Structures are given as C-alpha cells and as structure tokens.
C-alpha cells in the first residue's frame, strides 16, 4: 500500500495555487508517481528526443515509505 504524502502535499499546495508536477505510468506498471527532471543550471525541462525525462522513485521522497513493486515491468 502506498502512503498518501503526495496527495496531502498537493492538497496543501493547491490552496496556494501551486503543484508538484507528476505523472503515473499508463502501461501496466505500478501506480508510482513519476517526477519530471529539470536542469539545475537553466531551470528547463530535461528532454530526450523531444520527450521529457522522468525519475521514478522506489521510496516516497517525503516519508521514506517503500513503494510497492507490483510485478512491475515498466517500459518508459
């Protein structure tokens, strides 16, 4: 079972007109949020062949709870 840290944080940020951009896998992977990568030097979205690069954490970046790896064969 996944923690609800991201949902709680998104709800708090929404009240201030902010959000953390995330995506969820569409093809059979576990429901783990993906976070887009931005270049630290320019602040621009990092891309590969015109498509954004993402990082998929194995643990919640807020509380450290491990995300379930439901037989994941994910091809991003």
Protein backbone atom coordinates (compact mmCIF):
# COMPACT_ATOMS: atom_id res chain seq x y z
CA UNK A 1 0.00 0.00 0.00
CA UNK A 2 1.24 3.46 -0.88
CA UNK A 3 1.44 6.36 1.55
CA UNK A 4 -0.68 9.44 0.90
CA UNK A 5 2.08 12.04 1.39
CA UNK A 6 1.93 13.34 -2.18
CA UNK A 7 -1.85 13.73 -2.05
CA UNK A 8 -1.66 15.65 1.22
CA UNK A 9 1.13 17.91 -0.06
CA UNK A 10 -0.66 18.53 -3.38
CA UNK A 11 -3.85 19.48 -1.48
CA UNK A 12 -1.92 21.97 0.69
CA UNK A 13 -0.13 23.44 -2.33
CA UNK A 14 -3.36 23.69 -4.36
CA UNK A 15 -4.73 26.13 -1.77
CA UNK A 16 -1.77 28.39 -2.67
CA UNK A 17 -2.13 27.95 -6.43
CA UNK A 18 0.89 25.63 -6.66
CA UNK A 19 1.50 21.98 -7.55
CA UNK A 20 4.27 19.40 -7.88
CA UNK A 21 4.13 18.08 -11.46
CA UNK A 22 3.81 14.28 -11.53
CA UNK A 23 2.73 11.55 -13.95
CA UNK A 24 1.57 7.98 -13.47
CA UNK A 25 2.55 5.06 -15.72
CA UNK A 26 -0.11 4.07 -18.24
CA UNK A 27 1.22 0.71 -19.39
CA UNK A 28 0.91 -1.94 -16.73
CA UNK A 29 3.39 -0.50 -14.26
CA UNK A 30 2.70 0.14 -10.60
CA UNK A 31 0.87 3.35 -9.64
CA UNK A 32 4.01 5.17 -8.55
CA UNK A 33 4.32 8.88 -9.32
CA UNK A 34 6.96 9.95 -11.83
CA UNK A 35 8.67 13.29 -11.34
CA UNK A 36 9.96 15.31 -14.32
CA UNK A 37 13.63 16.26 -14.33
CA UNK A 38 14.61 19.91 -14.67
CA UNK A 39 18.12 21.16 -15.38
CA UNK A 40 19.60 22.92 -12.36
CA UNK A 41 21.60 25.36 -14.50
CA UNK A 42 18.76 26.56 -16.77
CA UNK A 43 15.57 25.50 -14.97
CA UNK A 44 14.33 23.93 -18.22
CA UNK A 45 12.72 20.50 -18.54
CA UNK A 46 15.31 17.85 -19.41
CA UNK A 47 14.32 16.01 -22.59
CA UNK A 48 15.50 13.08 -24.67
CA UNK A 49 14.49 13.06 -28.34
CA UNK A 50 11.90 15.75 -27.60
CA UNK A 51 10.26 13.77 -24.78
CA UNK A 52 10.60 14.72 -21.10
CA UNK A 53 12.87 12.66 -18.84
CA UNK A 54 11.35 11.41 -15.58
CA UNK A 55 12.58 9.78 -12.40
CA UNK A 56 10.54 7.03 -10.71
CA UNK A 57 11.40 6.76 -7.01
CA UNK A 58 11.35 3.41 -5.19
CA UNK A 59 10.55 5.16 -1.89
CA UNK A 60 8.37 8.15 -1.02
CA UNK A 61 10.59 11.26 -1.18
CA UNK A 62 8.69 12.75 1.77
CA UNK A 63 8.30 9.99 4.39
CA UNK A 64 10.62 7.26 3.06
CA UNK A 65 7.93 4.54 2.81
CA UNK A 66 8.77 1.95 0.15
CA UNK A 67 6.50 1.96 -2.89
CA UNK A 68 5.01 -1.43 -3.79
CA UNK A 69 6.64 -3.02 -6.82
CA UNK A 70 3.57 -4.86 -8.18
CA UNK A 71 5.26 -7.26 -10.62
CA UNK A 72 6.48 -4.21 -12.45
CA UNK A 73 7.64 -4.50 -16.00
CA UNK A 74 7.57 -0.86 -17.00
CA UNK A 75 8.93 0.46 -20.24
CA UNK A 76 9.08 4.26 -20.02
